[in-house]
Amino acid sequence: MSQDLFGIHAAALELRSQRMGLIASNIANAATPGYKARDIDFTAALRNAARNGGEHGTGVEQAANGAMLYRVPVMPSLDGNTVELQNEQLAFSENAVGYSATLQFIRGRVDTVTRALKGE
């Protein structure tokens, strides 16, 4: 049902949420020796989710896992940590904007359906 109503946007919102958690984890571990920063290739994950029908839960989680990668640092740290705080903050901000835009789209769809059900 949600696939018909929201299209791929439901999966996109879930992927953006997972990516936000991953980036937040990178930021939290910026001073942890040997920590390897990870990210989700959002485009590849969304493509995988669409291929799987954009199903919630396992389908989106598998799509995210299939598109997970380790970041390659521009300036490697001597302690083996690959988190570059500026890049993580930028990625977090960009992802937050995408999350907000996707959420606004979904809200618009819900408002449209609600108005239709009320007969407005």
C-alpha atoms as a PDB file:
ATOM      1  CA  MET A   1       0.000   0.000   0.000  1.00  0.00           C
ATOM      2  CA  SER A   2       2.670   2.542   0.991  1.00  0.00           C
ATOM      3  CA  GLN A   3       4.605   1.700  -2.192  1.00  0.00           C
ATOM      4  CA  ASP A   4       1.584   2.753  -4.274  1.00  0.00           C
ATOM      5  CA  LEU A   5       0.970   5.907  -2.233  1.00  0.00           C
ATOM      6  CA  PHE A   6       4.525   7.144  -1.698  1.00  0.00           C
ATOM      7  CA  GLY A   7       6.416   5.453  -4.516  1.00  0.00           C
ATOM      8  CA  ILE A   8      10.117   5.127  -3.904  1.00  0.00           C
ATOM      9  CA  HIS A   9      10.065   8.006  -1.395  1.00  0.00           C
ATOM     10  CA  ALA A  10       9.276   5.707   1.542  1.00  0.00           C
ATOM     11  CA  ALA A  11      12.420   3.685   0.805  1.00  0.00           C
ATOM     12  CA  ALA A  12      14.394   6.895   0.243  1.00  0.00           C
ATOM     13  CA  LEU A  13      13.349   8.198   3.659  1.00  0.00           C
ATOM     14  CA  GLU A  14      14.384   4.955   5.329  1.00  0.00           C
ATOM     15  CA  LEU A  15      17.737   4.932   3.507  1.00  0.00           C
ATOM     16  CA  ARG A  16      18.417   8.548   4.433  1.00  0.00           C
ATOM     17  CA  SER A  17      17.648   7.725   8.051  1.00  0.00           C
ATOM     18  CA  GLN A  18      20.090   4.798   8.002  1.00  0.00           C
ATOM     19  CA  ARG A  19      22.732   6.957   6.348  1.00  0.00           C
ATOM     20  CA  MET A  20      22.249   9.690   8.939  1.00  0.00           C
ATOM     21  CA  GLY A  21      22.874   7.171  11.726  1.00  0.00           C
ATOM     22  CA  LEU A  22      25.998   5.908  10.014  1.00  0.00           C
ATOM     23  CA  ILE A  23      27.417   9.400   9.519  1.00  0.00           C
ATOM     24  CA  ALA A  24      26.580  10.292  13.139  1.00  0.00           C
ATOM     25  CA  SER A  25      28.514   7.192  14.218  1.00  0.00           C
ATOM     26  CA  ASN A  26      31.479   8.339  12.155  1.00  0.00           C
ATOM     27  CA  ILE A  27      31.377  11.764  13.824  1.00  0.00           C
ATOM     28  CA  ALA A  28      31.108  10.192  17.282  1.00  0.00           C
ATOM     29  CA  ASN A  29      34.188   8.064  16.573  1.00  0.00           C
ATOM     30  CA  ALA A  30      36.330  10.845  15.114  1.00  0.00           C
ATOM     31  CA  ALA A  31      38.912  10.399  17.884  1.00  0.00           C
ATOM     32  CA  THR A  32      38.836   6.585  18.062  1.00  0.00           C
ATOM     33  CA  PRO A  33      42.156   5.114  16.891  1.00  0.00           C
ATOM     34  CA  GLY A  34      41.742   2.677  14.019  1.00  0.00           C
ATOM     35  CA  TYR A  35      38.087   3.544  13.363  1.00  0.00           C
ATOM     36  CA  LYS A  36      37.164   3.219   9.685  1.00  0.00           C
ATOM     37  CA  ALA A  37      34.539   5.715   8.478  1.00  0.00           C
ATOM     38  CA  ARG A  38      31.685   4.156   6.502  1.00  0.00           C
ATOM     39  CA  ASP A  39      28.951   5.565   4.306  1.00  0.00           C
ATOM     40  CA  ILE A  40      26.116   4.420   2.093  1.00  0.00           C
ATOM     41  CA  ASP A  41      26.187   5.127  -1.628  1.00  0.00           C
ATOM     42  CA  PHE A  42      22.669   6.550  -1.566  1.00  0.00           C
ATOM     43  CA  THR A  43      22.109   6.358  -5.327  1.00  0.00           C
ATOM     44  CA  ALA A  44      23.150   2.702  -5.504  1.00  0.00           C
ATOM     45  CA  ALA A  45      21.118   1.830  -2.392  1.00  0.00           C
ATOM     46  CA  LEU A  46      18.006   3.525  -3.780  1.00  0.00           C
ATOM     47  CA  ARG A  47      18.475   1.732  -7.099  1.00  0.00           C
ATOM     48  CA  ASN A  48      18.758  -1.591  -5.228  1.00  0.00           C
ATOM     49  CA  ALA A  49      15.666  -0.785  -3.170  1.00  0.00           C
ATOM     50  CA  ALA A  50      13.704   0.076  -6.326  1.00  0.00           C
ATOM     51  CA  ARG A  51      14.799  -3.199  -7.876  1.00  0.00           C
ATOM     52  CA  ASN A  52      13.457  -4.992  -4.788  1.00  0.00           C
ATOM     53  CA  GLY A  53      10.145  -3.154  -5.063  1.00  0.00           C
ATOM     54  CA  GLY A  54      11.030  -0.513  -2.467  1.00  0.00           C
ATOM     55  CA  GLU A  55       9.792  -2.709   0.361  1.00  0.00           C
ATOM     56  CA  HIS A  56      10.250  -1.489   3.929  1.00  0.00           C
ATOM     57  CA  GLY A  57      12.403  -3.320   6.415  1.00  0.00           C
ATOM     58  CA  THR A  58      14.521  -6.135   5.088  1.00  0.00           C
ATOM     59  CA  GLY A  59      14.471  -5.049   1.426  1.00  0.00           C
ATOM     60  CA  VAL A  60      15.686  -1.533   2.183  1.00  0.00           C
ATOM     61  CA  GLU A  61      18.163  -2.791   4.774  1.00  0.00           C
ATOM     62  CA  GLN A  62      19.648  -5.228   2.249  1.00  0.00           C
ATOM     63  CA  ALA A  63      19.828  -2.430  -0.314  1.00  0.00           C
ATOM     64  CA  ALA A  64      21.703  -0.245   2.182  1.00  0.00           C
ATOM     65  CA  ASN A  65      24.083  -3.048   3.154  1.00  0.00           C
ATOM     66  CA  GLY A  66      24.790  -3.753  -0.514  1.00  0.00           C
ATOM     67  CA  ALA A  67      25.741  -0.108  -1.072  1.00  0.00           C
ATOM     68  CA  MET A  68      27.827   0.357   2.088  1.00  0.00           C
ATOM     69  CA  LEU A  69      31.419   1.368   1.606  1.00  0.00           C
ATOM     70  CA  TYR A  70      34.397   2.625   3.568  1.00  0.00           C
ATOM     71  CA  ARG A  71      35.464   6.221   3.077  1.00  0.00           C
ATOM     72  CA  VAL A  72      38.893   6.823   1.601  1.00  0.00           C
ATOM     73  CA  PRO A  73      40.509   9.685   3.527  1.00  0.00           C
ATOM     74  CA  VAL A  74      42.137  12.607   1.768  1.00  0.00           C
ATOM     75  CA  MET A  75      44.601  13.023   4.642  1.00  0.00           C
ATOM     76  CA  PRO A  76      45.158   9.670   6.398  1.00  0.00           C
ATOM     77  CA  SER A  77      45.605   9.831  10.164  1.00  0.00           C
ATOM     78  CA  LEU A  78      48.640   8.321  11.879  1.00  0.00           C
ATOM     79  CA  ASP A  79      46.387   6.355  14.262  1.00  0.00           C
ATOM     80  CA  GLY A  80      44.505   4.662  11.399  1.00  0.00           C
ATOM     81  CA  ASN A  81      41.277   6.606  11.896  1.00  0.00           C
ATOM     82  CA  THR A  82      39.722   7.546   8.529  1.00  0.00           C
ATOM     83  CA  VAL A  83      37.124  10.026   9.842  1.00  0.00           C
ATOM     84  CA  GLU A  84      37.575  13.523   8.438  1.00  0.00           C
ATOM     85  CA  LEU A  85      35.263  15.646  10.543  1.00  0.00           C
ATOM     86  CA  GLN A  86      34.642  18.381   7.952  1.00  0.00           C
ATOM     87  CA  ASN A  87      33.652  15.838   5.300  1.00  0.00           C
ATOM     88  CA  GLU A  88      31.379  14.020   7.741  1.00  0.00           C
ATOM     89  CA  GLN A  89      29.662  17.243   8.779  1.00  0.00           C
ATOM     90  CA  LEU A  90      29.131  18.171   5.132  1.00  0.00           C
ATOM     91  CA  ALA A  91      27.723  14.714   4.324  1.00  0.00           C
ATOM     92  CA  PHE A  92      25.454  14.906   7.387  1.00  0.00           C
ATOM     93  CA  SER A  93      24.124  18.323   6.331  1.00  0.00           C
ATOM     94  CA  GLU A  94      23.511  17.245   2.742  1.00  0.00           C
ATOM     95  CA  ASN A  95      21.753  14.099   3.909  1.00  0.00           C
ATOM     96  CA  ALA A  96      19.616  16.102   6.373  1.00  0.00           C
ATOM     97  CA  VAL A  97      18.446  18.384   3.547  1.00  0.00           C
ATOM     98  CA  GLY A  98      17.566  15.344   1.417  1.00  0.00           C
ATOM     99  CA  TYR A  99      15.751  13.751   4.369  1.00  0.00           C
ATOM    100  CA  SER A 100      13.744  16.924   4.939  1.00  0.00           C
ATOM    101  CA  ALA A 101      12.826  17.214   1.251  1.00  0.00           C
ATOM    102  CA  THR A 102      11.700  13.581   1.100  1.00  0.00           C
ATOM    103  CA  LEU A 103       9.687  14.023   4.288  1.00  0.00           C
ATOM    104  CA  GLN A 104       8.007  17.126   2.848  1.00  0.00           C
ATOM    105  CA  PHE A 105       7.030  15.180  -0.262  1.00  0.00           C
ATOM    106  CA  ILE A 106       5.508  12.403   1.844  1.00  0.00           C
ATOM    107  CA  ARG A 107       3.656  14.950   4.000  1.00  0.00           C
ATOM    108  CA  GLY A 108       2.254  16.518   0.842  1.00  0.00           C
ATOM    109  CA  ARG A 109       0.974  13.142  -0.337  1.00  0.00           C
ATOM    110  CA  VAL A 110      -0.623  12.453   3.047  1.00  0.00           C
ATOM    111  CA  ASP A 111      -2.269  15.900   3.035  1.00  0.00           C
ATOM    112  CA  THR A 112      -3.619  15.258  -0.466  1.00  0.00           C
ATOM    113  CA  VAL A 113      -5.103  11.911   0.555  1.00  0.00           C
ATOM    114  CA  THR A 114      -6.529  13.420   3.731  1.00  0.00           C
ATOM    115  CA  ARG A 115      -8.224  16.232   1.762  1.00  0.00           C
ATOM    116  CA  ALA A 116      -9.587  13.708  -0.730  1.00  0.00           C
ATOM    117  CA  LEU A 117     -11.051  11.572   2.066  1.00  0.00           C
ATOM    118  CA  LYS A 118     -12.668  14.648   3.614  1.00  0.00           C
ATOM    119  CA  GLY A 119     -14.114  15.565   0.241  1.00  0.00           C
ATOM    120  CA  GLU A 120     -12.370  18.926  -0.004  1.00  0.00           C
END
